[in-house]
PDB file of N, CA and C in Angstrom:
ATOM      1  N   MET A   1       0.167  26.800  -9.836  1.00  0.00           N
ATOM      2  CA  MET A   1      -0.960  25.519  -9.273  1.00  0.00           C
ATOM      3  C   MET A   1      -0.464  24.395  -9.594  1.00  0.00           C
ATOM      4  N   ILE A   2      -0.637  23.516  -8.624  1.00  0.00           N
ATOM      5  CA  ILE A   2      -0.216  22.246  -8.512  1.00  0.00           C
ATOM      6  C   ILE A   2      -1.887  21.647  -8.534  1.00  0.00           C
ATOM      7  N   GLU A   3      -2.081  20.630  -9.339  1.00  0.00           N
ATOM      8  CA  GLU A   3      -3.401  20.004  -9.251  1.00  0.00           C
ATOM      9  C   GLU A   3      -3.299  18.144  -8.816  1.00  0.00           C
ATOM     10  N   VAL A   4      -3.931  18.178  -8.235  1.00  0.00           N
ATOM     11  CA  VAL A   4      -3.761  16.645  -7.606  1.00  0.00           C
ATOM     12  C   VAL A   4      -5.179  15.989  -7.559  1.00  0.00           C
ATOM     13  N   GLY A   5      -5.091  14.682  -8.621  1.00  0.00           N
ATOM     14  CA  GLY A   5      -6.674  14.353  -8.221  1.00  0.00           C
ATOM     15  C   GLY A   5      -7.001  13.799  -7.373  1.00  0.00           C
ATOM     16  N   ASP A   6      -8.191  12.950  -7.416  1.00  0.00           N
ATOM     17  CA  ASP A   6      -8.833  12.328  -6.447  1.00  0.00           C
ATOM     18  C   ASP A   6      -8.132  10.932  -6.082  1.00  0.00           C
ATOM     19  N   ARG A   7      -8.035  10.766  -4.614  1.00  0.00           N
ATOM     20  CA  ARG A   7      -7.931   9.553  -4.293  1.00  0.00           C
ATOM     21  C   ARG A   7      -6.470   9.414  -4.504  1.00  0.00           C
ATOM     22  N   ALA A   8      -5.546  10.215  -4.680  1.00  0.00           N
ATOM     23  CA  ALA A   8      -4.449  10.644  -4.619  1.00  0.00           C
ATOM     24  C   ALA A   8      -3.320  10.302  -3.731  1.00  0.00           C
ATOM     25  N   PHE A   9      -2.442   9.668  -3.225  1.00  0.00           N
ATOM     26  CA  PHE A   9      -1.277   9.623  -2.195  1.00  0.00           C
ATOM     27  C   PHE A   9      -0.041  10.282  -2.584  1.00  0.00           C
ATOM     28  N   ILE A  10       0.273  11.141  -1.817  1.00  0.00           N
ATOM     29  CA  ILE A  10       1.677  11.612  -1.774  1.00  0.00           C
ATOM     30  C   ILE A  10       2.288  11.602  -0.417  1.00  0.00           C
ATOM     31  N   GLY A  11       3.474  10.695  -0.477  1.00  0.00           N
ATOM     32  CA  GLY A  11       4.416  10.033   0.160  1.00  0.00           C
ATOM     33  C   GLY A  11       5.153  11.416   0.846  1.00  0.00           C
ATOM     34  N   ALA A  12       5.333  11.294   2.235  1.00  0.00           N
ATOM     35  CA  ALA A  12       6.196  12.016   2.758  1.00  0.00           C
ATOM     36  C   ALA A  12       7.245  12.668   2.455  1.00  0.00           C
ATOM     37  N   TYR A  13       7.734  13.880   2.301  1.00  0.00           N
ATOM     38  CA  TYR A  13       9.091  14.811   1.986  1.00  0.00           C
ATOM     39  C   TYR A  13       9.252  14.305   0.218  1.00  0.00           C
ATOM     40  N   THR A  14       7.663  14.595  -0.351  1.00  0.00           N
ATOM     41  CA  THR A  14       7.853  14.909  -1.897  1.00  0.00           C
ATOM     42  C   THR A  14       7.566  15.872  -2.187  1.00  0.00           C
ATOM     43  N   ILE A  15       8.630  17.021  -2.930  1.00  0.00           N
ATOM     44  CA  ILE A  15       8.441  18.304  -3.546  1.00  0.00           C
ATOM     45  C   ILE A  15       8.003  18.060  -4.741  1.00  0.00           C
ATOM     46  N   MET A  16       6.931  19.109  -5.103  1.00  0.00           N
ATOM     47  CA  MET A  16       6.452  18.734  -6.165  1.00  0.00           C
ATOM     48  C   MET A  16       6.719  20.496  -6.780  1.00  0.00           C
ATOM     49  N   MET A  17       6.751  20.653  -7.998  1.00  0.00           N
ATOM     50  CA  MET A  17       7.329  21.482  -8.556  1.00  0.00           C
ATOM     51  C   MET A  17       6.295  22.392  -8.941  1.00  0.00           C
ATOM     52  N   PRO A  18       6.126  23.647  -9.475  1.00  0.00           N
ATOM     53  CA  PRO A  18       4.649  24.604  -9.452  1.00  0.00           C
ATOM     54  C   PRO A  18       4.013  23.854 -11.069  1.00  0.00           C
ATOM     55  N   ASN A  19       2.918  24.288 -11.053  1.00  0.00           N
ATOM     56  CA  ASN A  19       2.317  23.862 -12.357  1.00  0.00           C
ATOM     57  C   ASN A  19       2.216  22.128 -12.646  1.00  0.00           C
ATOM     58  N   VAL A  20       2.449  21.447 -11.519  1.00  0.00           N
ATOM     59  CA  VAL A  20       2.379  19.629 -12.317  1.00  0.00           C
ATOM     60  C   VAL A  20       0.967  19.458 -12.021  1.00  0.00           C
ATOM     61  N   HIS A  21       0.527  18.393 -12.496  1.00  0.00           N
ATOM     62  CA  HIS A  21      -1.107  17.767 -12.255  1.00  0.00           C
ATOM     63  C   HIS A  21      -0.641  16.532 -11.734  1.00  0.00           C
ATOM     64  N   ILE A  22      -1.100  16.015 -10.887  1.00  0.00           N
ATOM     65  CA  ILE A  22      -0.898  14.443 -10.564  1.00  0.00           C
ATOM     66  C   ILE A  22      -2.308  13.593 -10.815  1.00  0.00           C
ATOM     67  N   GLY A  23      -2.784  13.268 -11.277  1.00  0.00           N
ATOM     68  CA  GLY A  23      -3.526  12.214 -11.960  1.00  0.00           C
ATOM     69  C   GLY A  23      -4.294  11.691 -10.659  1.00  0.00           C
ATOM     70  N   ALA A  24      -6.155  11.066 -11.052  1.00  0.00           N
ATOM     71  CA  ALA A  24      -6.621  10.775  -9.826  1.00  0.00           C
ATOM     72  C   ALA A  24      -5.953   9.088  -9.704  1.00  0.00           C
ATOM     73  N   ASP A  25      -6.523   8.803  -8.510  1.00  0.00           N
ATOM     74  CA  ASP A  25      -5.587   6.855  -8.218  1.00  0.00           C
ATOM     75  C   ASP A  25      -3.915   7.021  -8.543  1.00  0.00           C
ATOM     76  N   THR A  26      -3.586   7.984  -7.977  1.00  0.00           N
ATOM     77  CA  THR A  26      -1.878   7.729  -8.392  1.00  0.00           C
ATOM     78  C   THR A  26      -1.448   7.667  -7.338  1.00  0.00           C
ATOM     79  N   ILE A  27      -0.347   7.082  -6.678  1.00  0.00           N
ATOM     80  CA  ILE A  27       0.408   7.124  -5.818  1.00  0.00           C
ATOM     81  C   ILE A  27       1.873   7.820  -6.283  1.00  0.00           C
ATOM     82  N   ILE A  28       2.856   8.609  -4.837  1.00  0.00           N
ATOM     83  CA  ILE A  28       3.609   9.008  -5.924  1.00  0.00           C
ATOM     84  C   ILE A  28       4.605   8.705  -3.999  1.00  0.00           C
ATOM     85  N   ALA A  29       5.745   7.924  -4.292  1.00  0.00           N
ATOM     86  CA  ALA A  29       6.467   7.348  -3.302  1.00  0.00           C
ATOM     87  C   ALA A  29       7.119   8.761  -2.458  1.00  0.00           C
ATOM     88  N   ALA A  30       7.452   8.711  -1.382  1.00  0.00           N
ATOM     89  CA  ALA A  30       7.535   9.206  -0.239  1.00  0.00           C
ATOM     90  C   ALA A  30       9.384   9.913  -1.050  1.00  0.00           C
ATOM     91  N   GLY A  31       9.313  10.576  -0.764  1.00  0.00           N
ATOM     92  CA  GLY A  31      10.702  11.156  -1.096  1.00  0.00           C
ATOM     93  C   GLY A  31      11.181  11.639  -2.405  1.00  0.00           C
ATOM     94  N   SER A  32       9.873  11.593  -3.186  1.00  0.00           N
ATOM     95  CA  SER A  32       9.820  11.809  -4.660  1.00  0.00           C
ATOM     96  C   SER A  32      10.127  13.432  -5.125  1.00  0.00           C
ATOM     97  N   VAL A  33      10.540  13.773  -6.318  1.00  0.00           N
ATOM     98  CA  VAL A  33      10.387  14.882  -6.650  1.00  0.00           C
ATOM     99  C   VAL A  33       9.708  15.427  -7.707  1.00  0.00           C
ATOM    100  N   VAL A  34       8.485  15.848  -7.879  1.00  0.00           N
ATOM    101  CA  VAL A  34       7.718  15.822  -9.028  1.00  0.00           C
ATOM    102  C   VAL A  34       7.988  16.962 -10.003  1.00  0.00           C
ATOM    103  N   THR A  35       8.544  16.597 -11.316  1.00  0.00           N
ATOM    104  CA  THR A  35       9.130  17.648 -12.590  1.00  0.00           C
ATOM    105  C   THR A  35       7.889  18.106 -13.317  1.00  0.00           C
ATOM    106  N   LYS A  36       6.931  16.922 -13.755  1.00  0.00           N
ATOM    107  CA  LYS A  36       5.960  17.127 -14.453  1.00  0.00           C
ATOM    108  C   LYS A  36       4.891  16.334 -14.119  1.00  0.00           C
ATOM    109  N   ASP A  37       3.932  16.221 -15.500  1.00  0.00           N
ATOM    110  CA  ASP A  37       2.354  15.510 -14.762  1.00  0.00           C
ATOM    111  C   ASP A  37       2.968  14.596 -14.890  1.00  0.00           C
ATOM    112  N   ILE A  38       2.294  13.820 -13.739  1.00  0.00           N
ATOM    113  CA  ILE A  38       2.009  12.349 -13.941  1.00  0.00           C
ATOM    114  C   ILE A  38       0.341  12.098 -13.603  1.00  0.00           C
ATOM    115  N   PRO A  39       0.194  10.632 -14.514  1.00  0.00           N
ATOM    116  CA  PRO A  39      -0.971  10.328 -15.719  1.00  0.00           C
ATOM    117  C   PRO A  39      -1.589   9.671 -14.144  1.00  0.00           C
ATOM    118  N   ALA A  40      -3.324   9.411 -14.345  1.00  0.00           N
ATOM    119  CA  ALA A  40      -3.875   8.835 -13.537  1.00  0.00           C
ATOM    120  C   ALA A  40      -3.827   7.491 -13.326  1.00  0.00           C
ATOM    121  N   GLY A  41      -3.864   6.854 -12.129  1.00  0.00           N
ATOM    122  CA  GLY A  41      -3.753   5.579 -12.029  1.00  0.00           C
ATOM    123  C   GLY A  41      -2.384   4.593 -12.325  1.00  0.00           C
ATOM    124  N   VAL A  42      -1.395   5.558 -11.815  1.00  0.00           N
ATOM    125  CA  VAL A  42      -0.182   4.692 -12.286  1.00  0.00           C
ATOM    126  C   VAL A  42       0.798   4.986 -10.258  1.00  0.00           C
ATOM    127  N   VAL A  43       1.707   4.422 -10.243  1.00  0.00           N
ATOM    128  CA  VAL A  43       2.753   4.471  -9.049  1.00  0.00           C
ATOM    129  C   VAL A  43       4.138   5.293  -9.665  1.00  0.00           C
ATOM    130  N   ALA A  44       4.383   6.823  -9.108  1.00  0.00           N
ATOM    131  CA  ALA A  44       5.978   7.231  -9.864  1.00  0.00           C
ATOM    132  C   ALA A  44       6.634   7.484  -8.562  1.00  0.00           C
ATOM    133  N   ALA A  45       7.953   7.002  -8.604  1.00  0.00           N
ATOM    134  CA  ALA A  45       9.108   7.395  -7.566  1.00  0.00           C
ATOM    135  C   ALA A  45      10.133   7.455  -8.240  1.00  0.00           C
ATOM    136  N   GLY A  46      10.787   8.574  -7.254  1.00  0.00           N
ATOM    137  CA  GLY A  46      12.617   9.136  -7.967  1.00  0.00           C
ATOM    138  C   GLY A  46      12.483  10.283  -8.032  1.00  0.00           C
ATOM    139  N   ASN A  47      13.681  10.948  -8.159  1.00  0.00           N
ATOM    140  CA  ASN A  47      14.111  12.019  -8.778  1.00  0.00           C
ATOM    141  C   ASN A  47      15.060  12.335  -9.851  1.00  0.00           C
ATOM    142  N   PRO A  48      14.142  12.504 -11.013  1.00  0.00           N
ATOM    143  CA  PRO A  48      12.715  13.314 -10.823  1.00  0.00           C
ATOM    144  C   PRO A  48      11.713  12.209 -10.758  1.00  0.00           C
ATOM    145  N   ALA A  49      11.087  12.191 -10.394  1.00  0.00           N
ATOM    146  CA  ALA A  49       9.723  11.198 -10.123  1.00  0.00           C
ATOM    147  C   ALA A  49       9.545  10.616 -11.638  1.00  0.00           C
ATOM    148  N   ARG A  50       9.019   9.339 -11.518  1.00  0.00           N
ATOM    149  CA  ARG A  50       8.928   8.682 -13.298  1.00  0.00           C
ATOM    150  C   ARG A  50       8.197   7.497 -12.735  1.00  0.00           C
ATOM    151  N   VAL A  51       7.161   6.971 -13.719  1.00  0.00           N
ATOM    152  CA  VAL A  51       5.896   6.041 -13.637  1.00  0.00           C
ATOM    153  C   VAL A  51       6.590   4.354 -13.442  1.00  0.00           C
ATOM    154  N   ILE A  52       6.924   4.029 -12.663  1.00  0.00           N
ATOM    155  CA  ILE A  52       7.337   2.670 -12.378  1.00  0.00           C
ATOM    156  C   ILE A  52       6.408   1.456 -12.653  1.00  0.00           C
ATOM    157  N   ARG A  53       5.182   1.772 -12.340  1.00  0.00           N
ATOM    158  CA  ARG A  53       4.099   0.497 -12.700  1.00  0.00           C
ATOM    159  C   ARG A  53       2.794   1.186 -12.674  1.00  0.00           C
ATOM    160  N   THR A  54       1.544   1.002 -13.068  1.00  0.00           N
ATOM    161  CA  THR A  54       0.636   1.079 -13.007  1.00  0.00           C
ATOM    162  C   THR A  54      -0.078   0.247 -11.529  1.00  0.00           C
ATOM    163  N   ILE A  55      -1.203   1.130 -11.355  1.00  0.00           N
ATOM    164  CA  ILE A  55      -1.862   0.471 -10.192  1.00  0.00           C
ATOM    165  C   ILE A  55      -2.425  -0.623  -9.877  1.00  0.00           C
ATOM    166  N   ALA A  56      -2.757  -1.274 -11.769  1.00  0.00           N
ATOM    167  CA  ALA A  56      -2.940  -2.326 -11.710  1.00  0.00           C
ATOM    168  C   ALA A  56      -2.260  -3.322 -11.520  1.00  0.00           C
ATOM    169  N   ASP A  57      -1.060  -2.994 -11.549  1.00  0.00           N
ATOM    170  CA  ASP A  57       0.226  -4.229 -11.839  1.00  0.00           C
ATOM    171  C   ASP A  57       0.511  -4.268 -10.233  1.00  0.00           C
ATOM    172  N   LEU A  58       0.307  -3.407  -9.207  1.00  0.00           N
ATOM    173  CA  LEU A  58       0.893  -3.168  -7.727  1.00  0.00           C
ATOM    174  C   LEU A  58      -0.195  -3.980  -7.251  1.00  0.00           C
ATOM    175  N   GLN A  59      -1.498  -3.973  -7.595  1.00  0.00           N
ATOM    176  CA  GLN A  59      -2.622  -4.756  -6.892  1.00  0.00           C
ATOM    177  C   GLN A  59      -2.524  -6.357  -7.596  1.00  0.00           C
ATOM    178  N   GLU A  60      -1.741  -6.685  -8.624  1.00  0.00           N
ATOM    179  CA  GLU A  60      -1.711  -8.101  -8.690  1.00  0.00           C
ATOM    180  C   GLU A  60      -0.746  -8.531  -8.100  1.00  0.00           C
ATOM    181  N   LYS A  61       0.611  -7.663  -8.385  1.00  0.00           N
ATOM    182  CA  LYS A  61       1.654  -7.996  -7.508  1.00  0.00           C
ATOM    183  C   LYS A  61       1.394  -8.255  -5.796  1.00  0.00           C
ATOM    184  N   THR A  62       0.327  -7.509  -4.757  1.00  0.00           N
ATOM    185  CA  THR A  62      -0.123  -7.236  -3.941  1.00  0.00           C
ATOM    186  C   THR A  62      -0.760  -8.641  -3.475  1.00  0.00           C
ATOM    187  N   ASN A  63      -1.859  -9.191  -4.849  1.00  0.00           N
ATOM    188  CA  ASN A  63      -2.801 -10.332  -4.420  1.00  0.00           C
ATOM    189  C   ASN A  63      -1.835 -11.577  -5.011  1.00  0.00           C
ATOM    190  N   ALA A  64      -1.112 -11.133  -5.138  1.00  0.00           N
ATOM    191  CA  ALA A  64      -0.209 -12.903  -5.766  1.00  0.00           C
ATOM    192  C   ALA A  64       0.761 -13.047  -4.175  1.00  0.00           C
ATOM    193  N   LYS A  65       1.055 -11.852  -3.732  1.00  0.00           N
ATOM    194  CA  LYS A  65       2.003 -12.295  -2.166  1.00  0.00           C
ATOM    195  C   LYS A  65       1.019 -12.000  -1.095  1.00  0.00           C
ATOM    196  N   LEU A  66      -0.237 -11.694  -1.093  1.00  0.00           N
ATOM    197  CA  LEU A  66      -1.345 -12.418  -0.180  1.00  0.00           C
ATOM    198  C   LEU A  66      -1.464 -13.544  -0.282  1.00  0.00           C
ATOM    199  N   ALA A  67      -1.719 -14.182  -1.334  1.00  0.00           N
ATOM    200  CA  ALA A  67      -1.724 -15.787  -1.456  1.00  0.00           C
ATOM    201  C   ALA A  67      -0.539 -16.808  -1.060  1.00  0.00           C
ATOM    202  N   GLN A  68       0.233 -16.110  -0.985  1.00  0.00           N
ATOM    203  CA  GLN A  68       1.817 -16.726  -0.486  1.00  0.00           C
ATOM    204  C   GLN A  68       2.301 -16.528   0.814  1.00  0.00           C
ATOM    205  N   ILE A  69       1.830 -15.488   1.833  1.00  0.00           N
ATOM    206  CA  ILE A  69       2.068 -15.340   3.079  1.00  0.00           C
ATOM    207  C   ILE A  69       0.924 -15.274   4.095  1.00  0.00           C
ATOM    208  N   PRO A  70       1.264 -15.475   5.245  1.00  0.00           N
ATOM    209  CA  PRO A  70       0.312 -16.091   5.985  1.00  0.00           C
ATOM    210  C   PRO A  70      -0.551 -14.462   6.311  1.00  0.00           C
ATOM    211  N   CYS A  71      -1.976 -14.885   6.370  1.00  0.00           N
ATOM    212  CA  CYS A  71      -3.031 -13.346   6.708  1.00  0.00           C
ATOM    213  C   CYS A  71      -3.737 -13.860   7.958  1.00  0.00           C
ATOM    214  N   PHE A  72      -3.674 -12.231   8.872  1.00  0.00           N
ATOM    215  CA  PHE A  72      -4.455 -12.927   9.640  1.00  0.00           C
ATOM    216  C   PHE A  72      -5.465 -11.517  10.319  1.00  0.00           C
ATOM    217  N   GLY A  73      -6.464 -11.516  10.538  1.00  0.00           N
ATOM    218  CA  GLY A  73      -7.684 -10.718  10.518  1.00  0.00           C
ATOM    219  C   GLY A  73      -7.015  -9.621  11.522  1.00  0.00           C
ATOM    220  N   GLU A  74      -7.841  -8.538  11.801  1.00  0.00           N
ATOM    221  CA  GLU A  74      -7.920  -7.423  12.444  1.00  0.00           C
ATOM    222  C   GLU A  74      -7.829  -7.640  14.297  1.00  0.00           C
ATOM    223  N   GLU A  75      -8.251  -8.515  14.267  1.00  0.00           N
ATOM    224  CA  GLU A  75      -8.454  -8.968  15.902  1.00  0.00           C
ATOM    225  C   GLU A  75      -6.618  -9.119  16.909  1.00  0.00           C
ATOM    226  N   TYR A  76      -6.242  -9.347  15.373  1.00  0.00           N
ATOM    227  CA  TYR A  76      -4.656  -9.482  15.720  1.00  0.00           C
ATOM    228  C   TYR A  76      -3.950  -8.902  16.403  1.00  0.00           C
ATOM    229  N   ARG A  77      -4.512  -7.849  15.866  1.00  0.00           N
ATOM    230  CA  ARG A  77      -3.950  -5.968  16.628  1.00  0.00           C
ATOM    231  C   ARG A  77      -4.266  -6.010  18.184  1.00  0.00           C
ATOM    232  N   MET A  78      -3.154  -5.535  18.771  1.00  0.00           N
ATOM    233  CA  MET A  78      -3.076  -5.621  20.230  1.00  0.00           C
ATOM    234  C   MET A  78      -4.344  -4.175  20.252  1.00  0.00           C
ATOM    235  N   LYS A  79      -4.512  -3.499  19.775  1.00  0.00           N
ATOM    236  CA  LYS A  79      -5.453  -2.118  19.778  1.00  0.00           C
ATOM    237  C   LYS A  79      -6.695  -3.135  19.866  1.00  0.00           C
ATOM    238  N   CYS A  80      -6.833  -4.390  19.042  1.00  0.00           N
ATOM    239  CA  CYS A  80      -8.462  -4.519  18.767  1.00  0.00           C
ATOM    240  C   CYS A  80      -8.744  -5.925  19.388  1.00  0.00           C
ATOM    241  N   GLY A  81      -7.947  -6.097  20.609  1.00  0.00           N
ATOM    242  CA  GLY A  81      -8.350  -7.307  21.518  1.00  0.00           C
ATOM    243  C   GLY A  81      -7.087  -8.439  21.276  1.00  0.00           C
ATOM    244  N   GLY A  82      -5.986  -8.400  20.581  1.00  0.00           N
ATOM    245  CA  GLY A  82      -5.349  -9.302  20.336  1.00  0.00           C
ATOM    246  C   GLY A  82      -4.572  -9.403  21.670  1.00  0.00           C
ATOM    247  N   THR A  83      -4.265 -10.784  21.807  1.00  0.00           N
ATOM    248  CA  THR A  83      -3.575 -11.175  22.865  1.00  0.00           C
ATOM    249  C   THR A  83      -2.476 -11.909  22.773  1.00  0.00           C
ATOM    250  N   VAL A  84      -1.474 -11.791  23.974  1.00  0.00           N
ATOM    251  CA  VAL A  84       0.075 -12.249  23.586  1.00  0.00           C
ATOM    252  C   VAL A  84       0.100 -13.504  22.696  1.00  0.00           C
ATOM    253  N   ALA A  85      -0.943 -14.374  23.636  1.00  0.00           N
ATOM    254  CA  ALA A  85      -1.099 -15.647  22.962  1.00  0.00           C
ATOM    255  C   ALA A  85      -1.206 -15.509  21.319  1.00  0.00           C
ATOM    256  N   MET A  86      -2.058 -14.745  20.725  1.00  0.00           N
ATOM    257  CA  MET A  86      -2.535 -14.966  19.696  1.00  0.00           C
ATOM    258  C   MET A  86      -0.965 -14.341  18.799  1.00  0.00           C
ATOM    259  N   ARG A  87      -0.129 -13.093  19.567  1.00  0.00           N
ATOM    260  CA  ARG A  87       1.008 -12.819  18.908  1.00  0.00           C
ATOM    261  C   ARG A  87       1.784 -13.427  19.063  1.00  0.00           C
ATOM    262  N   LYS A  88       1.681 -14.450  19.400  1.00  0.00           N
ATOM    263  CA  LYS A  88       3.119 -15.411  19.629  1.00  0.00           C
ATOM    264  C   LYS A  88       2.842 -16.582  18.391  1.00  0.00           C
ATOM    265  N   SER A  89       1.141 -16.850  18.528  1.00  0.00           N
ATOM    266  CA  SER A  89       0.869 -17.764  16.963  1.00  0.00           C
ATOM    267  C   SER A  89       1.114 -17.407  16.233  1.00  0.00           C
ATOM    268  N   MET A  90       1.278 -15.888  15.467  1.00  0.00           N
ATOM    269  CA  MET A  90       1.261 -15.106  14.699  1.00  0.00           C
ATOM    270  C   MET A  90       2.790 -14.886  14.089  1.00  0.00           C
ATOM    271  N   LEU A  91       3.689 -14.626  15.093  1.00  0.00           N
ATOM    272  CA  LEU A  91       5.075 -14.871  14.865  1.00  0.00           C
ATOM    273  C   LEU A  91       5.522 -16.498  14.277  1.00  0.00           C
ATOM    274  N   LYS A  92       4.994 -17.197  15.318  1.00  0.00           N
ATOM    275  CA  LYS A  92       5.225 -18.720  14.607  1.00  0.00           C
ATOM    276  C   LYS A  92       4.750 -18.827  12.966  1.00  0.00           C
ATOM    277  N   ALA A  93       3.736 -18.507  12.740  1.00  0.00           N
ATOM    278  CA  ALA A  93       3.189 -19.154  11.311  1.00  0.00           C
ATOM    279  C   ALA A  93       3.737 -17.995  10.533  1.00  0.00           C
ATOM    280  N   MET A  94       4.672 -16.830  10.785  1.00  0.00           N
ATOM    281  CA  MET A  94       5.818 -16.271   9.447  1.00  0.00           C
ATOM    282  C   MET A  94       7.066 -16.826   9.396  1.00  0.00           C
ATOM    283  N   ALA A  95       7.314 -17.415   8.343  1.00  0.00           N
ATOM    284  CA  ALA A  95       8.333 -17.958   8.240  1.00  0.00           C
ATOM    285  C   ALA A  95       9.316 -17.089   8.128  1.00  0.00           C
ATOM    286  N   ASN A  96       9.134 -15.720   7.070  1.00  0.00           N
ATOM    287  CA  ASN A  96      10.133 -15.590   6.733  1.00  0.00           C
ATOM    288  C   ASN A  96      10.282 -14.043   7.292  1.00  0.00           C
ATOM    289  N   GLY A  97       9.436 -14.046   8.152  1.00  0.00           N
ATOM    290  CA  GLY A  97       9.129 -12.585   9.020  1.00  0.00           C
ATOM    291  C   GLY A  97       7.967 -11.321   8.724  1.00  0.00           C
ATOM    292  N   GLU A  98       7.052 -12.312   7.666  1.00  0.00           N
ATOM    293  CA  GLU A  98       6.491 -11.440   6.726  1.00  0.00           C
ATOM    294  C   GLU A  98       4.823 -11.896   6.931  1.00  0.00           C
ATOM    295  N   CYS A  99       3.969 -10.632   7.220  1.00  0.00           N
ATOM    296  CA  CYS A  99       2.867 -11.347   6.982  1.00  0.00           C
ATOM    297  C   CYS A  99       1.605 -10.248   6.803  1.00  0.00           C
ATOM    298  N   TYR A 100       0.350 -10.000   6.503  1.00  0.00           N
ATOM    299  CA  TYR A 100      -0.554  -9.195   6.580  1.00  0.00           C
ATOM    300  C   TYR A 100      -1.592  -9.439   7.511  1.00  0.00           C
ATOM    301  N   ILE A 101      -2.293  -8.101   7.943  1.00  0.00           N
ATOM    302  CA  ILE A 101      -2.954  -8.016   8.718  1.00  0.00           C
ATOM    303  C   ILE A 101      -4.289  -7.552   7.718  1.00  0.00           C
ATOM    304  N   VAL A 102      -5.350  -8.237   7.515  1.00  0.00           N
ATOM    305  CA  VAL A 102      -6.486  -7.339   6.620  1.00  0.00           C
ATOM    306  C   VAL A 102      -7.985  -7.860   7.250  1.00  0.00           C
ATOM    307  N   LYS A 103      -8.408  -6.320   6.380  1.00  0.00           N
ATOM    308  CA  LYS A 103      -9.959  -6.306   7.009  1.00  0.00           C
ATOM    309  C   LYS A 103     -10.562  -7.813   6.679  1.00  0.00           C
ATOM    310  N   PRO A 104     -11.716  -8.102   7.173  1.00  0.00           N
ATOM    311  CA  PRO A 104     -12.340  -9.049   6.961  1.00  0.00           C
ATOM    312  C   PRO A 104     -13.176  -8.663   5.640  1.00  0.00           C
ATOM    313  N   ALA A 105     -13.388  -9.844   4.182  1.00  0.00           N
ATOM    314  CA  ALA A 105     -14.211  -9.588   3.414  1.00  0.00           C
ATOM    315  C   ALA A 105     -15.503  -9.597   3.900  1.00  0.00           C
ATOM    316  N   ALA A 106     -16.536  -8.706   2.899  1.00  0.00           N
ATOM    317  CA  ALA A 106     -17.744  -8.691   3.375  1.00  0.00           C
ATOM    318  C   ALA A 106     -18.854  -9.924   3.561  1.00  0.00           C
ATOM    319  N   ALA A 107     -18.481 -10.678   2.654  1.00  0.00           N
ATOM    320  CA  ALA A 107     -19.331 -11.806   2.981  1.00  0.00           C
ATOM    321  C   ALA A 107     -18.607 -13.287   3.664  1.00  0.00           C
ATOM    322  N   GLY A 108     -17.350 -13.252   3.096  1.00  0.00           N
ATOM    323  CA  GLY A 108     -16.751 -14.640   3.391  1.00  0.00           C
ATOM    324  C   GLY A 108     -15.351 -14.696   4.753  1.00  0.00           C
ATOM    325  N   GLY A 109     -15.512 -13.307   4.949  1.00  0.00           N
ATOM    326  CA  GLY A 109     -14.068 -13.721   6.371  1.00  0.00           C
ATOM    327  C   GLY A 109     -12.849 -12.938   5.950  1.00  0.00           C
ATOM    328  N   SER A 110     -11.767 -13.101   6.896  1.00  0.00           N
ATOM    329  CA  SER A 110     -10.386 -13.304   6.338  1.00  0.00           C
ATOM    330  C   SER A 110      -9.798 -14.547   6.261  1.00  0.00           C
ATOM    331  N   ARG A 111      -8.449 -14.364   5.231  1.00  0.00           N
ATOM    332  CA  ARG A 111      -8.157 -15.630   5.461  1.00  0.00           C
ATOM    333  C   ARG A 111      -6.986 -15.816   6.660  1.00  0.00           C
ATOM    334  N   GLY A 112      -6.981 -16.441   7.642  1.00  0.00           N
ATOM    335  CA  GLY A 112      -6.271 -16.537   9.073  1.00  0.00           C
ATOM    336  C   GLY A 112      -5.665 -17.584   9.080  1.00  0.00           C
ATOM    337  N   ASN A 113      -4.616 -17.656   9.495  1.00  0.00           N
ATOM    338  CA  ASN A 113      -3.863 -19.019  10.202  1.00  0.00           C
ATOM    339  C   ASN A 113      -3.755 -19.067  11.228  1.00  0.00           C
TER     340      ASN A 113
END
């Protein structure tokens, strides 16, 4: 039997062998082959899947990246009413072709450019 913990994310085309346990708050990268138990709170990838970092490390890396590249609110998405002019301003602000579209914070709103 395969056991998957709460809030675990299993990427597409992942193969899981019988009798493995995936811990809570864990990410398994797409295409991985899980042959043994994966602990809680980690990111695992590969064939065979192995732990490559903790979720805390991933959050730290993502937050550092968020501080360096442009971020826009959901209103910039075409599905949420974004206009062609908004899209052009977003493309102009992306120096290296990267940006984040983020949900507004509960109290302060999103960091937009």
